[in-house]
Every structure is written in C-alpha cells, then in structure tokens.
C-alpha cells in the first residue's frame, strides 16, 4: 500500500510517500510561500505518483468539522495569504483519492502513538515549539477534537520575574507562543536560539514557560506521555530544566512514579525524530482510505 503524506507547516511543507507500516519511501520539502506557489509544488509532487490515499497534517487554525461549509480550510491564521484558504479542497481538485485531514500537531501525536515514543499507550500530548507553538492530543485512543481543536500554544502563562519582554503573539501578546516560540526568543534576545546556546538565562526563561504548559496539560488531560518536539527543542539542555521546573510546580500534588522518579521517560523528545508529522499523515491517509472502503 503506497500512501501520500503532507506535513503542511507555516514555514515549510514536507511531502512524502510511505506505507501502512510507517516507512517513509520518498520525501521532499520546500518553503511555505503563497498558497498558489506552495500548492502547485504539492500537486506536482503527487501528480504522477500512484498513491491510494493522502493524509494532510496542516498548520492552523483549521476547520475540522465535516458538517461545516469551511471544512478543510486554514482559517484565522496570521500567515500572510493563507487566511481562510481551502487547502483540502484545492488538493481534491487535482488528486482524486481519499484525503484525510487534521492539524499538523494532531498528526504528529498520531504518528508518535502509532510508531514512536507513545507506542502502546492510549493517550499522549505532542507539543511542537518552533516558529509557533502547537499541541495535539490523543485521549483514550482518539484524537482530541471539539468546538475547534486544541490550541494549547495560546494558553496564558505567568511571566518569569526577570523577563521584561512584552510578547510576540498578535492576538494575546504574552501567551505561551508569544513568550516561548522561536520568534519570541529571537526578538527578546536579538539572536536566533541556536546562537544563544551558551546563554543560560535564555533557556531558564524558556524552560520556565514550557514547564508551566506541561503542568497544565498534566492536570487537564493526564496523558501517559508528553512529547516535546520542534526546532527550539533541539536545545537538549532544555529537557533537564523543564523536568526540574515541572517537579517544582507540581509540588508533590500528583503522586505517580512517572513523575517522581521517571520524569525523563515521561516528558521526552519525539521517538520519530523529525518524521512525527509525516508519519502521522500516513496514518491519516490509511484511516481515510479504510473509512471510504467501509462505506462502499
């Protein structure tokens, strides 16, 4: 079974071919520019490929309600030119196979649950910290949807006592994304994160904000695994700092061995490394193909 996968990110698109076992057979990536330019490259990649279905994990917000007139749209994104763009429908015009659709972070959570760090578990949260911050969740074996979909990157957080940066989110200013995403780091410190590796205060602030988010997710969703990915988390010194802050912030309230003695196995990096989103899109493709076949 040959399946197509699209990890549609706000910075770059990754398109790939794979199979039902999660093996990536081919992949290509290109910058996310205008919808017309970007989707033209997507269509050209898949046009001559004999795929049975395609999965799309898209940056958002997106409309996941199949009863909605704007199902399959990227909706209120600040990404130039993509606001209210029908990404699913545009692909359906050119590629006539079943197409599964969800958020990029829900897809990543799905990939990690199927083949990665959360394999064998029925709940997990996947958080990506990069150009933006987003999170996907699996609860009792199902992707979490609702009125919209999880927007955990925009939760309110407490400011670090030494941090005077106003925040970078165009909607909320100093929400989690506004304080801890890659652009916030660069605007606060005047350099990109990878240039600040030796500046301990940078990562102390970052860990303080990300740990607050993790604590919220533990309290609200009680996942069996929390996976932190994205470009910012390439700074491996963040994990021990986050672990320490989470323990301190929980303050003994949750008495579980996973937190008390095994937190380095509970809050982890992606098992699929950089393929979580693409692998999850393969699962979306497979599930959509099975759904279509079941109703025929």
C-alpha atoms as a PDB file:
ATOM      1  CA  UNK A   1       0.000   0.000   0.000  1.00  0.00           C
ATOM      2  CA  UNK A   2       1.522   3.326  -1.105  1.00  0.00           C
ATOM      3  CA  UNK A   3       0.228   6.331   0.816  1.00  0.00           C
ATOM      4  CA  UNK A   4       0.888  10.045   0.468  1.00  0.00           C
ATOM      5  CA  UNK A   5       1.649  12.351   3.370  1.00  0.00           C
ATOM      6  CA  UNK A   6       1.759  16.131   3.691  1.00  0.00           C
ATOM      7  CA  UNK A   7       3.117  17.970   6.707  1.00  0.00           C
ATOM      8  CA  UNK A   8       1.854  21.457   5.900  1.00  0.00           C
ATOM      9  CA  UNK A   9       3.771  23.801   8.155  1.00  0.00           C
ATOM     10  CA  UNK A  10       3.737  27.551   8.388  1.00  0.00           C
ATOM     11  CA  UNK A  11       7.448  27.662   7.499  1.00  0.00           C
ATOM     12  CA  UNK A  12       7.800  24.685   5.166  1.00  0.00           C
ATOM     13  CA  UNK A  13       5.787  21.908   3.550  1.00  0.00           C
ATOM     14  CA  UNK A  14       7.052  18.340   3.627  1.00  0.00           C
ATOM     15  CA  UNK A  15       5.519  15.886   1.153  1.00  0.00           C
ATOM     16  CA  UNK A  16       6.264  12.191   1.255  1.00  0.00           C
ATOM     17  CA  UNK A  17       5.394   8.682   0.195  1.00  0.00           C
ATOM     18  CA  UNK A  18       5.169   5.818   2.629  1.00  0.00           C
ATOM     19  CA  UNK A  19       3.336   2.662   3.504  1.00  0.00           C
ATOM     20  CA  UNK A  20       0.955   1.389   6.156  1.00  0.00           C
ATOM     21  CA  UNK A  21       3.893   0.340   8.333  1.00  0.00           C
ATOM     22  CA  UNK A  22       5.142   3.907   8.661  1.00  0.00           C
ATOM     23  CA  UNK A  23       8.137   3.519   6.372  1.00  0.00           C
ATOM     24  CA  UNK A  24       8.991   6.761   4.561  1.00  0.00           C
ATOM     25  CA  UNK A  25       9.902   5.878   0.976  1.00  0.00           C
ATOM     26  CA  UNK A  26      10.361   9.340  -0.521  1.00  0.00           C
ATOM     27  CA  UNK A  27      10.176  12.912   0.698  1.00  0.00           C
ATOM     28  CA  UNK A  28      10.664  16.481  -0.460  1.00  0.00           C
ATOM     29  CA  UNK A  29      10.379  19.817   1.344  1.00  0.00           C
ATOM     30  CA  UNK A  30      10.005  23.407   0.212  1.00  0.00           C
ATOM     31  CA  UNK A  31       9.269  26.773   1.848  1.00  0.00           C
ATOM     32  CA  UNK A  32       5.688  27.796   2.579  1.00  0.00           C
ATOM     33  CA  UNK A  33       5.171  30.841   0.366  1.00  0.00           C
ATOM     34  CA  UNK A  34       1.839  31.843  -1.185  1.00  0.00           C
ATOM     35  CA  UNK A  35      -0.901  29.213  -1.352  1.00  0.00           C
ATOM     36  CA  UNK A  36      -0.734  29.182  -5.153  1.00  0.00           C
ATOM     37  CA  UNK A  37       3.015  28.575  -5.328  1.00  0.00           C
ATOM     38  CA  UNK A  38       3.076  26.115  -2.461  1.00  0.00           C
ATOM     39  CA  UNK A  39       0.115  24.007  -3.539  1.00  0.00           C
ATOM     40  CA  UNK A  40       1.428  23.915  -7.112  1.00  0.00           C
ATOM     41  CA  UNK A  41       4.549  22.183  -5.785  1.00  0.00           C
ATOM     42  CA  UNK A  42       2.432  19.798  -3.717  1.00  0.00           C
ATOM     43  CA  UNK A  43       0.327  18.823  -6.734  1.00  0.00           C
ATOM     44  CA  UNK A  44       3.401  18.354  -8.930  1.00  0.00           C
ATOM     45  CA  UNK A  45       4.939  16.007  -6.356  1.00  0.00           C
ATOM     46  CA  UNK A  46       1.859  13.750  -6.178  1.00  0.00           C
ATOM     47  CA  UNK A  47       0.534  14.071  -9.730  1.00  0.00           C
ATOM     48  CA  UNK A  48       2.345  11.080 -11.215  1.00  0.00           C
ATOM     49  CA  UNK A  49       2.563   9.057  -8.005  1.00  0.00           C
ATOM     50  CA  UNK A  50       0.269   6.062  -7.678  1.00  0.00           C
ATOM     51  CA  UNK A  51      -0.938   6.730  -4.138  1.00  0.00           C
ATOM     52  CA  UNK A  52      -4.073   5.126  -2.736  1.00  0.00           C
ATOM     53  CA  UNK A  53      -4.784   7.939  -0.278  1.00  0.00           C
ATOM     54  CA  UNK A  54      -3.188  11.086   1.145  1.00  0.00           C
ATOM     55  CA  UNK A  55      -3.093  12.486   4.667  1.00  0.00           C
ATOM     56  CA  UNK A  56      -2.670  16.193   5.408  1.00  0.00           C
ATOM     57  CA  UNK A  57      -1.477  17.492   8.756  1.00  0.00           C
ATOM     58  CA  UNK A  58      -1.841  21.268   8.428  1.00  0.00           C
ATOM     59  CA  UNK A  59      -0.801  24.327  10.391  1.00  0.00           C
ATOM     60  CA  UNK A  60      -3.796  26.130  11.744  1.00  0.00           C
ATOM     61  CA  UNK A  61      -6.195  27.056  12.978  1.00  0.00           C
ATOM     62  CA  UNK A  62      -8.128  24.768  10.637  1.00  0.00           C
ATOM     63  CA  UNK A  63     -11.768  23.754  10.357  1.00  0.00           C
ATOM     64  CA  UNK A  64     -12.135  20.031  11.159  1.00  0.00           C
ATOM     65  CA  UNK A  65     -15.941  19.949  11.304  1.00  0.00           C
ATOM     66  CA  UNK A  66     -17.062  17.869   8.317  1.00  0.00           C
ATOM     67  CA  UNK A  67     -20.514  19.457   8.504  1.00  0.00           C
ATOM     68  CA  UNK A  68     -19.085  22.955   8.125  1.00  0.00           C
ATOM     69  CA  UNK A  69     -19.022  24.933   4.872  1.00  0.00           C
ATOM     70  CA  UNK A  70     -15.356  25.683   5.543  1.00  0.00           C
ATOM     71  CA  UNK A  71     -14.259  22.140   6.437  1.00  0.00           C
ATOM     72  CA  UNK A  72     -10.696  21.694   5.224  1.00  0.00           C
ATOM     73  CA  UNK A  73      -9.854  25.394   5.407  1.00  0.00           C
ATOM     74  CA  UNK A  74      -6.946  27.081   7.130  1.00  0.00           C
ATOM     75  CA  UNK A  75      -8.972  29.725   8.977  1.00  0.00           C
ATOM     76  CA  UNK A  76      -7.788  32.651  11.127  1.00  0.00           C
ATOM     77  CA  UNK A  77      -4.051  32.263  10.668  1.00  0.00           C
ATOM     78  CA  UNK A  78      -1.791  35.336  10.737  1.00  0.00           C
ATOM     79  CA  UNK A  79       0.273  33.643   7.992  1.00  0.00           C
ATOM     80  CA  UNK A  80       0.086  36.055   5.018  1.00  0.00           C
ATOM     81  CA  UNK A  81      -2.219  34.950   2.169  1.00  0.00           C
ATOM     82  CA  UNK A  82      -3.379  31.752   3.925  1.00  0.00           C
ATOM     83  CA  UNK A  83      -6.279  33.186   5.934  1.00  0.00           C
ATOM     84  CA  UNK A  84      -9.489  31.282   5.029  1.00  0.00           C
ATOM     85  CA  UNK A  85      -7.672  29.170   2.431  1.00  0.00           C
ATOM     86  CA  UNK A  86      -9.336  25.861   1.333  1.00  0.00           C
ATOM     87  CA  UNK A  87      -6.242  23.662   1.442  1.00  0.00           C
ATOM     88  CA  UNK A  88      -8.129  20.341   1.365  1.00  0.00           C
ATOM     89  CA  UNK A  89     -10.433  21.357  -1.480  1.00  0.00           C
ATOM     90  CA  UNK A  90      -7.516  22.656  -3.547  1.00  0.00           C
ATOM     91  CA  UNK A  91      -5.763  19.305  -3.357  1.00  0.00           C
ATOM     92  CA  UNK A  92      -9.021  17.447  -4.126  1.00  0.00           C
ATOM     93  CA  UNK A  93      -9.303  19.389  -7.395  1.00  0.00           C
ATOM     94  CA  UNK A  94      -6.136  17.765  -8.692  1.00  0.00           C
ATOM     95  CA  UNK A  95      -5.633  14.457  -6.833  1.00  0.00           C
ATOM     96  CA  UNK A  96      -8.651  12.152  -6.838  1.00  0.00           C
ATOM     97  CA  UNK A  97      -8.013   9.789  -3.943  1.00  0.00           C
ATOM     98  CA  UNK A  98      -9.322   9.725  -0.355  1.00  0.00           C
ATOM     99  CA  UNK A  99      -7.686  12.515   1.681  1.00  0.00           C
ATOM    100  CA  UNK A 100      -7.519  12.594   5.482  1.00  0.00           C
ATOM    101  CA  UNK A 101      -7.192  15.979   7.154  1.00  0.00           C
ATOM    102  CA  UNK A 102      -6.198  17.196  10.618  1.00  0.00           C
ATOM    103  CA  UNK A 103      -3.823  19.596  12.326  1.00  0.00           C
ATOM    104  CA  UNK A 104      -0.071  19.125  11.949  1.00  0.00           C
ATOM    105  CA  UNK A 105       0.326  18.567  15.680  1.00  0.00           C
ATOM    106  CA  UNK A 106      -2.548  16.095  15.901  1.00  0.00           C
ATOM    107  CA  UNK A 107      -0.881  14.219  13.047  1.00  0.00           C
ATOM    108  CA  UNK A 108       2.419  14.245  14.930  1.00  0.00           C
ATOM    109  CA  UNK A 109       0.695  12.928  18.059  1.00  0.00           C
ATOM    110  CA  UNK A 110      -0.864  10.188  15.937  1.00  0.00           C
ATOM    111  CA  UNK A 111       2.490   9.231  14.436  1.00  0.00           C
ATOM    112  CA  UNK A 112       4.131   9.061  17.859  1.00  0.00           C
ATOM    113  CA  UNK A 113       1.265   6.949  19.212  1.00  0.00           C
ATOM    114  CA  UNK A 114       1.434   4.558  16.264  1.00  0.00           C
ATOM    115  CA  UNK A 115       5.193   4.118  15.874  1.00  0.00           C
ATOM    116  CA  UNK A 116       7.062   6.485  18.213  1.00  0.00           C
ATOM    117  CA  UNK A 117       7.551   7.483  21.835  1.00  0.00           C
ATOM    118  CA  UNK A 118       3.896   6.813  22.793  1.00  0.00           C
ATOM    119  CA  UNK A 119       3.553   3.457  21.029  1.00  0.00           C
ATOM    120  CA  UNK A 120       1.331   1.116  23.012  1.00  0.00           C
ATOM    121  CA  UNK A 121      -0.271   3.928  25.023  1.00  0.00           C
ATOM    122  CA  UNK A 122      -3.805   5.231  24.591  1.00  0.00           C
ATOM    123  CA  UNK A 123      -3.030   8.852  25.491  1.00  0.00           C
ATOM    124  CA  UNK A 124      -0.305  11.380  24.795  1.00  0.00           C
ATOM    125  CA  UNK A 125       0.282  15.044  24.122  1.00  0.00           C
ATOM    126  CA  UNK A 126       2.649  16.161  21.366  1.00  0.00           C
ATOM    127  CA  UNK A 127       3.884  19.760  21.556  1.00  0.00           C
ATOM    128  CA  UNK A 128       5.929  21.447  18.858  1.00  0.00           C
ATOM    129  CA  UNK A 129       7.965  24.505  19.798  1.00  0.00           C
ATOM    130  CA  UNK A 130       9.304  26.241  16.718  1.00  0.00           C
ATOM    131  CA  UNK A 131       8.098  29.150  14.601  1.00  0.00           C
ATOM    132  CA  UNK A 132       4.892  28.804  16.607  1.00  0.00           C
ATOM    133  CA  UNK A 133       3.732  26.544  19.410  1.00  0.00           C
ATOM    134  CA  UNK A 134       1.004  23.999  18.908  1.00  0.00           C
ATOM    135  CA  UNK A 135      -0.075  20.759  20.519  1.00  0.00           C
ATOM    136  CA  UNK A 136      -2.033  17.689  19.546  1.00  0.00           C
ATOM    137  CA  UNK A 137      -3.589  15.214  21.941  1.00  0.00           C
ATOM    138  CA  UNK A 138      -4.768  11.632  21.907  1.00  0.00           C
ATOM    139  CA  UNK A 139      -7.243  10.802  24.667  1.00  0.00           C
ATOM    140  CA  UNK A 140      -8.464   7.226  25.188  1.00  0.00           C
ATOM    141  CA  UNK A 141      -7.103   6.281  21.785  1.00  0.00           C
ATOM    142  CA  UNK A 142      -8.780   9.106  19.868  1.00  0.00           C
ATOM    143  CA  UNK A 143      -7.535  12.416  18.512  1.00  0.00           C
ATOM    144  CA  UNK A 144      -8.927  15.270  20.566  1.00  0.00           C
ATOM    145  CA  UNK A 145     -11.363  17.482  18.660  1.00  0.00           C
ATOM    146  CA  UNK A 146     -14.128  19.711  19.937  1.00  0.00           C
ATOM    147  CA  UNK A 147     -15.522  23.148  19.235  1.00  0.00           C
ATOM    148  CA  UNK A 148     -12.370  23.684  17.190  1.00  0.00           C
ATOM    149  CA  UNK A 149      -9.244  21.671  18.026  1.00  0.00           C
ATOM    150  CA  UNK A 150      -6.687  22.030  20.800  1.00  0.00           C
ATOM    151  CA  UNK A 151      -4.962  25.441  20.746  1.00  0.00           C
ATOM    152  CA  UNK A 152      -2.601  24.774  23.611  1.00  0.00           C
ATOM    153  CA  UNK A 153       0.040  27.104  22.229  1.00  0.00           C
ATOM    154  CA  UNK A 154      -2.058  30.113  23.222  1.00  0.00           C
ATOM    155  CA  UNK A 155      -2.679  29.316  26.884  1.00  0.00           C
ATOM    156  CA  UNK A 156      -1.983  32.113  29.407  1.00  0.00           C
ATOM    157  CA  UNK A 157       1.186  31.684  31.454  1.00  0.00           C
ATOM    158  CA  UNK A 158       2.837  33.508  34.326  1.00  0.00           C
ATOM    159  CA  UNK A 159       5.689  35.782  33.381  1.00  0.00           C
ATOM    160  CA  UNK A 160       9.180  34.957  34.618  1.00  0.00           C
ATOM    161  CA  UNK A 161      10.035  37.516  37.343  1.00  0.00           C
ATOM    162  CA  UNK A 162      13.099  38.710  35.399  1.00  0.00           C
ATOM    163  CA  UNK A 163      11.517  38.781  31.932  1.00  0.00           C
ATOM    164  CA  UNK A 164      10.549  42.229  30.616  1.00  0.00           C
ATOM    165  CA  UNK A 165       9.752  41.136  27.050  1.00  0.00           C
ATOM    166  CA  UNK A 166       6.205  42.191  26.058  1.00  0.00           C
ATOM    167  CA  UNK A 167       5.418  39.095  23.990  1.00  0.00           C
ATOM    168  CA  UNK A 168       5.103  38.324  20.296  1.00  0.00           C
ATOM    169  CA  UNK A 169       1.605  36.909  19.750  1.00  0.00           C
ATOM    170  CA  UNK A 170      -0.529  39.189  17.519  1.00  0.00           C
ATOM    171  CA  UNK A 171      -3.657  38.076  19.393  1.00  0.00           C
ATOM    172  CA  UNK A 172      -2.591  37.696  23.041  1.00  0.00           C
ATOM    173  CA  UNK A 173       0.896  39.214  23.203  1.00  0.00           C
ATOM    174  CA  UNK A 174       2.305  37.231  26.167  1.00  0.00           C
ATOM    175  CA  UNK A 175       0.625  33.833  25.855  1.00  0.00           C
ATOM    176  CA  UNK A 176       2.798  30.693  25.668  1.00  0.00           C
ATOM    177  CA  UNK A 177       3.539  31.129  21.958  1.00  0.00           C
ATOM    178  CA  UNK A 178       4.116  34.845  22.411  1.00  0.00           C
ATOM    179  CA  UNK A 179       6.757  34.207  25.056  1.00  0.00           C
ATOM    180  CA  UNK A 180       8.372  30.897  24.110  1.00  0.00           C
ATOM    181  CA  UNK A 181       8.222  30.284  20.338  1.00  0.00           C
ATOM    182  CA  UNK A 182      11.321  30.715  18.225  1.00  0.00           C
ATOM    183  CA  UNK A 183      10.493  34.257  17.021  1.00  0.00           C
ATOM    184  CA  UNK A 184       9.907  35.360  20.635  1.00  0.00           C
ATOM    185  CA  UNK A 185      13.368  34.127  21.597  1.00  0.00           C
ATOM    186  CA  UNK A 186      14.927  35.982  18.665  1.00  0.00           C
ATOM    187  CA  UNK A 187      13.074  39.244  19.299  1.00  0.00           C
ATOM    188  CA  UNK A 188      13.733  39.157  23.051  1.00  0.00           C
ATOM    189  CA  UNK A 189      17.460  38.466  22.764  1.00  0.00           C
ATOM    190  CA  UNK A 190      18.334  39.822  19.309  1.00  0.00           C
ATOM    191  CA  UNK A 191      19.688  36.481  18.082  1.00  0.00           C
ATOM    192  CA  UNK A 192      18.287  33.153  16.952  1.00  0.00           C
ATOM    193  CA  UNK A 193      18.081  30.356  19.506  1.00  0.00           C
ATOM    194  CA  UNK A 194      20.963  28.331  18.092  1.00  0.00           C
ATOM    195  CA  UNK A 195      23.211  31.380  18.516  1.00  0.00           C
ATOM    196  CA  UNK A 196      22.303  31.609  22.214  1.00  0.00           C
ATOM    197  CA  UNK A 197      23.176  28.089  23.289  1.00  0.00           C
ATOM    198  CA  UNK A 198      25.664  29.258  25.941  1.00  0.00           C
ATOM    199  CA  UNK A 199      23.371  31.899  27.454  1.00  0.00           C
ATOM    200  CA  UNK A 200      21.842  30.083  30.425  1.00  0.00           C
ATOM    201  CA  UNK A 201      19.240  32.763  31.122  1.00  0.00           C
ATOM    202  CA  UNK A 202      17.681  32.232  27.671  1.00  0.00           C
ATOM    203  CA  UNK A 203      16.965  28.592  28.480  1.00  0.00           C
ATOM    204  CA  UNK A 204      15.948  29.263  32.067  1.00  0.00           C
ATOM    205  CA  UNK A 205      13.187  31.573  30.771  1.00  0.00           C
ATOM    206  CA  UNK A 206      12.225  29.075  28.076  1.00  0.00           C
ATOM    207  CA  UNK A 207      12.058  26.121  30.458  1.00  0.00           C
ATOM    208  CA  UNK A 208      10.011  28.157  32.940  1.00  0.00           C
ATOM    209  CA  UNK A 209       7.351  28.853  30.310  1.00  0.00           C
ATOM    210  CA  UNK A 210       7.308  25.387  28.765  1.00  0.00           C
ATOM    211  CA  UNK A 211       7.130  23.720  32.178  1.00  0.00           C
ATOM    212  CA  UNK A 212       4.027  25.740  33.028  1.00  0.00           C
ATOM    213  CA  UNK A 213       2.392  24.470  29.845  1.00  0.00           C
ATOM    214  CA  UNK A 214       3.352  20.873  30.640  1.00  0.00           C
ATOM    215  CA  UNK A 215       1.861  21.181  34.126  1.00  0.00           C
ATOM    216  CA  UNK A 216      -1.412  22.483  32.643  1.00  0.00           C
ATOM    217  CA  UNK A 217      -1.528  19.526  30.256  1.00  0.00           C
ATOM    218  CA  UNK A 218      -0.840  17.060  33.068  1.00  0.00           C
ATOM    219  CA  UNK A 219      -3.646  18.492  35.194  1.00  0.00           C
ATOM    220  CA  UNK A 220      -6.212  18.804  32.395  1.00  0.00           C
ATOM    221  CA  UNK A 221      -5.538  15.812  30.109  1.00  0.00           C
ATOM    222  CA  UNK A 222      -3.489  13.466  32.323  1.00  0.00           C
ATOM    223  CA  UNK A 223      -1.613  11.989  29.352  1.00  0.00           C
ATOM    224  CA  UNK A 224       0.541   8.888  29.668  1.00  0.00           C
ATOM    225  CA  UNK A 225       3.351  10.591  27.759  1.00  0.00           C
ATOM    226  CA  UNK A 226       4.275  14.175  26.869  1.00  0.00           C
ATOM    227  CA  UNK A 227       6.420  14.636  23.781  1.00  0.00           C
ATOM    228  CA  UNK A 228       8.195  17.922  23.094  1.00  0.00           C
ATOM    229  CA  UNK A 229       9.426  18.483  19.544  1.00  0.00           C
ATOM    230  CA  UNK A 230      10.168  21.294  17.105  1.00  0.00           C
ATOM    231  CA  UNK A 231      13.247  23.350  16.376  1.00  0.00           C
ATOM    232  CA  UNK A 232      13.554  25.007  19.779  1.00  0.00           C
ATOM    233  CA  UNK A 233      13.702  21.603  21.490  1.00  0.00           C
ATOM    234  CA  UNK A 234      16.883  20.775  19.576  1.00  0.00           C
ATOM    235  CA  UNK A 235      18.499  22.573  22.537  1.00  0.00           C
ATOM    236  CA  UNK A 236      18.870  19.415  24.599  1.00  0.00           C
ATOM    237  CA  UNK A 237      19.732  21.381  27.750  1.00  0.00           C
ATOM    238  CA  UNK A 238      16.036  22.306  27.908  1.00  0.00           C
ATOM    239  CA  UNK A 239      14.797  18.871  28.958  1.00  0.00           C
ATOM    240  CA  UNK A 240      16.529  18.692  32.382  1.00  0.00           C
ATOM    241  CA  UNK A 241      15.457  22.282  33.112  1.00  0.00           C
ATOM    242  CA  UNK A 242      11.844  21.537  32.149  1.00  0.00           C
ATOM    243  CA  UNK A 243      11.840  18.343  34.211  1.00  0.00           C
ATOM    244  CA  UNK A 244      13.073  20.214  37.284  1.00  0.00           C
ATOM    245  CA  UNK A 245      10.544  23.036  36.897  1.00  0.00           C
ATOM    246  CA  UNK A 246       7.650  20.607  36.386  1.00  0.00           C
ATOM    247  CA  UNK A 247       8.514  18.727  39.593  1.00  0.00           C
ATOM    248  CA  UNK A 248       8.776  22.021  41.471  1.00  0.00           C
ATOM    249  CA  UNK A 249       5.493  23.386  40.068  1.00  0.00           C
ATOM    250  CA  UNK A 250       3.532  20.198  40.777  1.00  0.00           C
ATOM    251  CA  UNK A 251       4.855  20.410  44.345  1.00  0.00           C
ATOM    252  CA  UNK A 252       4.021  16.799  45.149  1.00  0.00           C
ATOM    253  CA  UNK A 253       0.333  17.131  44.251  1.00  0.00           C
ATOM    254  CA  UNK A 254       0.343  14.216  41.785  1.00  0.00           C
ATOM    255  CA  UNK A 255       1.853  11.105  43.340  1.00  0.00           C
ATOM    256  CA  UNK A 256       2.928   8.979  40.374  1.00  0.00           C
ATOM    257  CA  UNK A 257       6.211   7.188  39.785  1.00  0.00           C
ATOM    258  CA  UNK A 258       6.289   8.516  36.221  1.00  0.00           C
ATOM    259  CA  UNK A 259       6.728  11.985  37.703  1.00  0.00           C
ATOM    260  CA  UNK A 260       8.551  11.257  40.925  1.00  0.00           C
ATOM    261  CA  UNK A 261      11.391   9.110  39.605  1.00  0.00           C
ATOM    262  CA  UNK A 262      10.833   8.651  35.882  1.00  0.00           C
ATOM    263  CA  UNK A 263      10.136  12.118  34.544  1.00  0.00           C
ATOM    264  CA  UNK A 264      12.940  11.849  31.984  1.00  0.00           C
ATOM    265  CA  UNK A 265      10.963   8.959  30.458  1.00  0.00           C
ATOM    266  CA  UNK A 266       7.641  10.793  30.753  1.00  0.00           C
ATOM    267  CA  UNK A 267       8.488  14.169  29.173  1.00  0.00           C
ATOM    268  CA  UNK A 268      10.536  13.161  26.150  1.00  0.00           C
ATOM    269  CA  UNK A 269      11.702  14.076  22.665  1.00  0.00           C
ATOM    270  CA  UNK A 270       9.914  12.548  19.630  1.00  0.00           C
ATOM    271  CA  UNK A 271      10.684   8.890  19.044  1.00  0.00           C
ATOM    272  CA  UNK A 272      10.275   9.533  15.314  1.00  0.00           C
ATOM    273  CA  UNK A 273      12.673  12.499  15.493  1.00  0.00           C
ATOM    274  CA  UNK A 274      11.735  14.759  12.549  1.00  0.00           C
ATOM    275  CA  UNK A 275       9.284  12.324  10.950  1.00  0.00           C
ATOM    276  CA  UNK A 276       6.464  12.516  13.502  1.00  0.00           C
ATOM    277  CA  UNK A 277       4.248  14.795  11.405  1.00  0.00           C
ATOM    278  CA  UNK A 278       4.858  12.968   8.136  1.00  0.00           C
ATOM    279  CA  UNK A 279       4.321   9.571   9.762  1.00  0.00           C
ATOM    280  CA  UNK A 280       1.111  10.789  11.351  1.00  0.00           C
ATOM    281  CA  UNK A 281      -0.098  11.993   7.960  1.00  0.00           C
ATOM    282  CA  UNK A 282       0.411   8.435   6.690  1.00  0.00           C
ATOM    283  CA  UNK A 283      -1.900   7.226   9.474  1.00  0.00           C
ATOM    284  CA  UNK A 284      -4.479   9.857   8.474  1.00  0.00           C
ATOM    285  CA  UNK A 285      -4.263   8.629   4.872  1.00  0.00           C
ATOM    286  CA  UNK A 286      -4.647   4.984   5.889  1.00  0.00           C
ATOM    287  CA  UNK A 287      -7.627   5.704   8.132  1.00  0.00           C
ATOM    288  CA  UNK A 288      -9.390   7.765   5.476  1.00  0.00           C
ATOM    289  CA  UNK A 289      -8.854   5.030   2.886  1.00  0.00           C
ATOM    290  CA  UNK A 290     -10.279   2.433   5.282  1.00  0.00           C
ATOM    291  CA  UNK A 291     -13.255   4.684   6.037  1.00  0.00           C
ATOM    292  CA  UNK A 292     -14.052   5.150   2.356  1.00  0.00           C
ATOM    293  CA  UNK A 293     -13.687   1.440   1.624  1.00  0.00           C
ATOM    294  CA  UNK A 294     -16.004   0.579   4.525  1.00  0.00           C
ATOM    295  CA  UNK A 295     -18.891   2.683   3.161  1.00  0.00           C
ATOM    296  CA  UNK A 296     -18.629   1.472  -0.424  1.00  0.00           C
END
